[in-house]
Amino acid sequence: MNIIGAVFGRYKSPAERMREHQRSLQKATQKLDQERTKLESQEKQLIIDIKSNANKGQMNSCKVMARDLFRTRRYVAKFYSMRTQLQAVSLRLQTIRSNQQMAEAMQGATRAMGMMSRTMNLPQIQEIHIDFEKESSVMGGGGIK
């Protein structure tokens, strides 16, 4: 490995970097989902605790737990919002990747068309076409329309 590669790391193509970013977005989305499910289970437990304390007549602890429940629900909503934003970024990256692949395919088709036009002898093809029209008009076909 050369010195520059050792210091700065290996050069990564745009496709490799795109894949890495997609992977990191997926991991972040999974972590958000895990945290959200933990908060939702905590919310269920808080509801159970609030009900049991209300039955016991402990209203002060119920108020504190109700605030905590409200805060937990707000965090769950924020996690849903963050997950949606991450999915939007991931979708945008996917769109960019597909546009890049389309551009590469069009570039390849353009190269192939250029090679074909270079290999074709256009004056000779025109001459054959003119001869064909002459022969067709002599035979009564009227030529190519």
C-alpha atoms as a PDB file:
ATOM      1  CA  MET A   1       0.000   0.000   0.000  1.00  0.00           C
ATOM      2  CA  ASN A   2       1.362   3.408  -0.851  1.00  0.00           C
ATOM      3  CA  ILE A   3       1.836   6.209   1.663  1.00  0.00           C
ATOM      4  CA  ILE A   4      -1.108   8.313   0.475  1.00  0.00           C
ATOM      5  CA  GLY A   5      -3.391   5.283   0.640  1.00  0.00           C
ATOM      6  CA  ALA A   6      -2.181   4.530   4.155  1.00  0.00           C
ATOM      7  CA  VAL A   7      -2.786   8.077   5.355  1.00  0.00           C
ATOM      8  CA  PHE A   8      -6.025   8.953   3.572  1.00  0.00           C
ATOM      9  CA  GLY A   9      -7.478   5.516   2.956  1.00  0.00           C
ATOM     10  CA  ARG A  10      -8.432   3.812  -0.255  1.00  0.00           C
ATOM     11  CA  TYR A  11     -10.295   5.814  -2.922  1.00  0.00           C
ATOM     12  CA  LYS A  12     -13.939   4.858  -2.943  1.00  0.00           C
ATOM     13  CA  SER A  13     -16.038   5.118  -6.049  1.00  0.00           C
ATOM     14  CA  PRO A  14     -19.275   7.107  -5.868  1.00  0.00           C
ATOM     15  CA  ALA A  15     -21.251   3.846  -6.030  1.00  0.00           C
ATOM     16  CA  GLU A  16     -19.369   2.454  -2.992  1.00  0.00           C
ATOM     17  CA  ARG A  17     -19.918   5.659  -1.038  1.00  0.00           C
ATOM     18  CA  MET A  18     -23.598   5.605  -2.007  1.00  0.00           C
ATOM     19  CA  ARG A  19     -23.918   2.028  -0.711  1.00  0.00           C
ATOM     20  CA  GLU A  20     -22.214   2.966   2.558  1.00  0.00           C
ATOM     21  CA  HIS A  21     -24.553   5.899   3.075  1.00  0.00           C
ATOM     22  CA  GLN A  22     -27.575   3.716   2.302  1.00  0.00           C
ATOM     23  CA  ARG A  23     -26.359   1.166   4.863  1.00  0.00           C
ATOM     24  CA  SER A  24     -25.803   3.797   7.531  1.00  0.00           C
ATOM     25  CA  LEU A  25     -29.285   5.217   6.901  1.00  0.00           C
ATOM     26  CA  GLN A  26     -30.786   1.740   7.249  1.00  0.00           C
ATOM     27  CA  LYS A  27     -28.906   1.154  10.511  1.00  0.00           C
ATOM     28  CA  ALA A  28     -30.050   4.499  11.881  1.00  0.00           C
ATOM     29  CA  THR A  29     -33.635   3.676  10.921  1.00  0.00           C
ATOM     30  CA  GLN A  30     -33.386   0.310  12.682  1.00  0.00           C
ATOM     31  CA  LYS A  31     -31.994   1.934  15.835  1.00  0.00           C
ATOM     32  CA  LEU A  32     -34.793   4.493  15.809  1.00  0.00           C
ATOM     33  CA  ASP A  33     -37.334   1.686  15.494  1.00  0.00           C
ATOM     34  CA  GLN A  34     -35.769  -0.153  18.427  1.00  0.00           C
ATOM     35  CA  GLU A  35     -35.840   2.950  20.608  1.00  0.00           C
ATOM     36  CA  ARG A  36     -39.409   3.683  19.572  1.00  0.00           C
ATOM     37  CA  THR A  37     -40.568   0.181  20.506  1.00  0.00           C
ATOM     38  CA  LYS A  38     -38.830   0.546  23.891  1.00  0.00           C
ATOM     39  CA  LEU A  39     -40.630   3.829  24.459  1.00  0.00           C
ATOM     40  CA  GLU A  40     -43.964   2.312  23.435  1.00  0.00           C
ATOM     41  CA  SER A  41     -43.531  -0.551  25.897  1.00  0.00           C
ATOM     42  CA  GLN A  42     -42.543   1.984  28.560  1.00  0.00           C
ATOM     43  CA  GLU A  43     -45.713   3.931  27.701  1.00  0.00           C
ATOM     44  CA  LYS A  44     -47.850   0.826  28.230  1.00  0.00           C
ATOM     45  CA  GLN A  45     -46.177   0.195  31.574  1.00  0.00           C
ATOM     46  CA  LEU A  46     -46.759   3.807  32.610  1.00  0.00           C
ATOM     47  CA  ILE A  47     -50.463   3.500  31.794  1.00  0.00           C
ATOM     48  CA  ILE A  48     -50.690   0.375  33.943  1.00  0.00           C
ATOM     49  CA  ASP A  49     -48.827   2.108  36.806  1.00  0.00           C
ATOM     50  CA  ILE A  50     -51.037   5.208  36.570  1.00  0.00           C
ATOM     51  CA  LYS A  51     -54.173   3.081  36.779  1.00  0.00           C
ATOM     52  CA  SER A  52     -52.890   1.103  39.758  1.00  0.00           C
ATOM     53  CA  ASN A  53     -51.817   4.270  41.615  1.00  0.00           C
ATOM     54  CA  ALA A  54     -55.165   5.924  40.833  1.00  0.00           C
ATOM     55  CA  ASN A  55     -56.961   2.934  42.335  1.00  0.00           C
ATOM     56  CA  LYS A  56     -54.798   3.308  45.441  1.00  0.00           C
ATOM     57  CA  GLY A  57     -55.628   7.019  45.626  1.00  0.00           C
ATOM     58  CA  GLN A  58     -52.069   8.293  45.070  1.00  0.00           C
ATOM     59  CA  MET A  59     -52.898  11.291  42.886  1.00  0.00           C
ATOM     60  CA  ASN A  60     -49.540  13.086  43.222  1.00  0.00           C
ATOM     61  CA  SER A  61     -47.630  10.157  41.771  1.00  0.00           C
ATOM     62  CA  CYS A  62     -50.313   9.856  39.057  1.00  0.00           C
ATOM     63  CA  LYS A  63     -49.680  13.478  38.033  1.00  0.00           C
ATOM     64  CA  VAL A  64     -45.933  12.887  37.781  1.00  0.00           C
ATOM     65  CA  MET A  65     -46.466   9.705  35.781  1.00  0.00           C
ATOM     66  CA  ALA A  66     -48.982  11.462  33.519  1.00  0.00           C
ATOM     67  CA  ARG A  67     -46.365  14.104  32.687  1.00  0.00           C
ATOM     68  CA  ASP A  68     -43.895  11.334  31.977  1.00  0.00           C
ATOM     69  CA  LEU A  69     -46.486   9.594  29.786  1.00  0.00           C
ATOM     70  CA  PHE A  70     -47.089  12.795  27.837  1.00  0.00           C
ATOM     71  CA  ARG A  71     -43.339  13.263  27.360  1.00  0.00           C
ATOM     72  CA  THR A  72     -42.961   9.646  26.216  1.00  0.00           C
ATOM     73  CA  ARG A  73     -45.747  10.020  23.649  1.00  0.00           C
ATOM     74  CA  ARG A  74     -44.113  13.186  22.338  1.00  0.00           C
ATOM     75  CA  TYR A  75     -40.803  11.327  21.936  1.00  0.00           C
ATOM     76  CA  VAL A  76     -42.539   8.494  20.077  1.00  0.00           C
ATOM     77  CA  ALA A  77     -44.031  11.045  17.675  1.00  0.00           C
ATOM     78  CA  LYS A  78     -40.582  12.605  17.188  1.00  0.00           C
ATOM     79  CA  PHE A  79     -39.107   9.191  16.432  1.00  0.00           C
ATOM     80  CA  TYR A  80     -41.770   8.602  13.790  1.00  0.00           C
ATOM     81  CA  SER A  81     -40.920  11.985  12.283  1.00  0.00           C
ATOM     82  CA  MET A  82     -37.171  11.249  12.281  1.00  0.00           C
ATOM     83  CA  ARG A  83     -37.769   7.851  10.688  1.00  0.00           C
ATOM     84  CA  THR A  84     -39.821   9.469   7.935  1.00  0.00           C
ATOM     85  CA  GLN A  85     -37.068  11.997   7.277  1.00  0.00           C
ATOM     86  CA  LEU A  86     -34.443   9.243   7.089  1.00  0.00           C
ATOM     87  CA  GLN A  87     -36.608   7.314   4.653  1.00  0.00           C
ATOM     88  CA  ALA A  88     -36.969  10.448   2.508  1.00  0.00           C
ATOM     89  CA  VAL A  89     -33.189  10.864   2.375  1.00  0.00           C
ATOM     90  CA  SER A  90     -32.784   7.178   1.542  1.00  0.00           C
ATOM     91  CA  LEU A  91     -35.334   7.476  -1.253  1.00  0.00           C
ATOM     92  CA  ARG A  92     -33.535  10.522  -2.620  1.00  0.00           C
ATOM     93  CA  LEU A  93     -30.245   8.583  -2.626  1.00  0.00           C
ATOM     94  CA  GLN A  94     -31.963   5.689  -4.409  1.00  0.00           C
ATOM     95  CA  THR A  95     -33.282   8.099  -7.051  1.00  0.00           C
ATOM     96  CA  ILE A  96     -29.826   9.566  -7.554  1.00  0.00           C
ATOM     97  CA  ARG A  97     -28.369   6.073  -7.905  1.00  0.00           C
ATOM     98  CA  SER A  98     -30.940   5.064 -10.523  1.00  0.00           C
ATOM     99  CA  ASN A  99     -30.333   8.322 -12.431  1.00  0.00           C
ATOM    100  CA  GLN A 100     -26.615   7.599 -12.397  1.00  0.00           C
ATOM    101  CA  GLN A 101     -27.179   4.074 -13.702  1.00  0.00           C
ATOM    102  CA  MET A 102     -29.432   5.440 -16.442  1.00  0.00           C
ATOM    103  CA  ALA A 103     -26.748   7.951 -17.441  1.00  0.00           C
ATOM    104  CA  GLU A 104     -24.141   5.177 -17.587  1.00  0.00           C
ATOM    105  CA  ALA A 105     -26.431   3.043 -19.755  1.00  0.00           C
ATOM    106  CA  MET A 106     -27.073   5.960 -22.090  1.00  0.00           C
ATOM    107  CA  GLN A 107     -23.351   6.626 -22.279  1.00  0.00           C
ATOM    108  CA  GLY A 108     -22.745   3.013 -23.301  1.00  0.00           C
ATOM    109  CA  ALA A 109     -25.489   3.181 -25.928  1.00  0.00           C
ATOM    110  CA  THR A 110     -24.022   6.416 -27.280  1.00  0.00           C
ATOM    111  CA  ARG A 111     -20.609   4.787 -27.572  1.00  0.00           C
ATOM    112  CA  ALA A 112     -22.111   1.816 -29.398  1.00  0.00           C
ATOM    113  CA  MET A 113     -23.989   4.093 -31.792  1.00  0.00           C
ATOM    114  CA  GLY A 114     -20.806   6.075 -32.447  1.00  0.00           C
ATOM    115  CA  MET A 115     -18.884   2.896 -33.212  1.00  0.00           C
ATOM    116  CA  MET A 116     -21.639   1.762 -35.581  1.00  0.00           C
ATOM    117  CA  SER A 117     -21.685   5.102 -37.403  1.00  0.00           C
ATOM    118  CA  ARG A 118     -17.892   4.960 -37.795  1.00  0.00           C
ATOM    119  CA  THR A 119     -17.986   1.440 -39.206  1.00  0.00           C
ATOM    120  CA  MET A 120     -20.798   2.210 -41.652  1.00  0.00           C
ATOM    121  CA  ASN A 121     -19.778   3.659 -45.028  1.00  0.00           C
ATOM    122  CA  LEU A 122     -22.490   6.288 -45.504  1.00  0.00           C
ATOM    123  CA  PRO A 123     -21.629   7.311 -49.115  1.00  0.00           C
ATOM    124  CA  GLN A 124     -21.703   3.676 -50.196  1.00  0.00           C
ATOM    125  CA  ILE A 125     -25.091   3.111 -48.514  1.00  0.00           C
ATOM    126  CA  GLN A 126     -26.475   6.228 -50.241  1.00  0.00           C
ATOM    127  CA  GLU A 127     -25.189   4.979 -53.584  1.00  0.00           C
ATOM    128  CA  ILE A 128     -26.858   1.596 -53.035  1.00  0.00           C
ATOM    129  CA  HIS A 129     -30.090   3.359 -52.105  1.00  0.00           C
ATOM    130  CA  ILE A 130     -30.013   5.496 -55.285  1.00  0.00           C
ATOM    131  CA  ASP A 131     -29.291   2.419 -57.427  1.00  0.00           C
ATOM    132  CA  PHE A 132     -32.183   0.584 -55.774  1.00  0.00           C
ATOM    133  CA  GLU A 133     -34.548   3.483 -56.501  1.00  0.00           C
ATOM    134  CA  LYS A 134     -33.438   3.554 -60.153  1.00  0.00           C
ATOM    135  CA  GLU A 135     -33.988  -0.180 -60.558  1.00  0.00           C
ATOM    136  CA  SER A 136     -37.352  -0.005 -58.805  1.00  0.00           C
ATOM    137  CA  SER A 137     -38.551   2.823 -61.058  1.00  0.00           C
ATOM    138  CA  VAL A 138     -37.412   0.878 -64.160  1.00  0.00           C
ATOM    139  CA  MET A 139     -39.410  -2.147 -62.986  1.00  0.00           C
ATOM    140  CA  GLY A 140     -42.462   0.039 -62.346  1.00  0.00           C
ATOM    141  CA  GLY A 141     -42.445  -0.003 -58.566  1.00  0.00           C
ATOM    142  CA  GLY A 142     -42.110   3.744 -58.260  1.00  0.00           C
ATOM    143  CA  GLY A 143     -39.242   3.582 -55.760  1.00  0.00           C
ATOM    144  CA  ILE A 144     -39.298   3.762 -51.987  1.00  0.00           C
ATOM    145  CA  LYS A 145     -41.870   6.051 -50.455  1.00  0.00           C
END
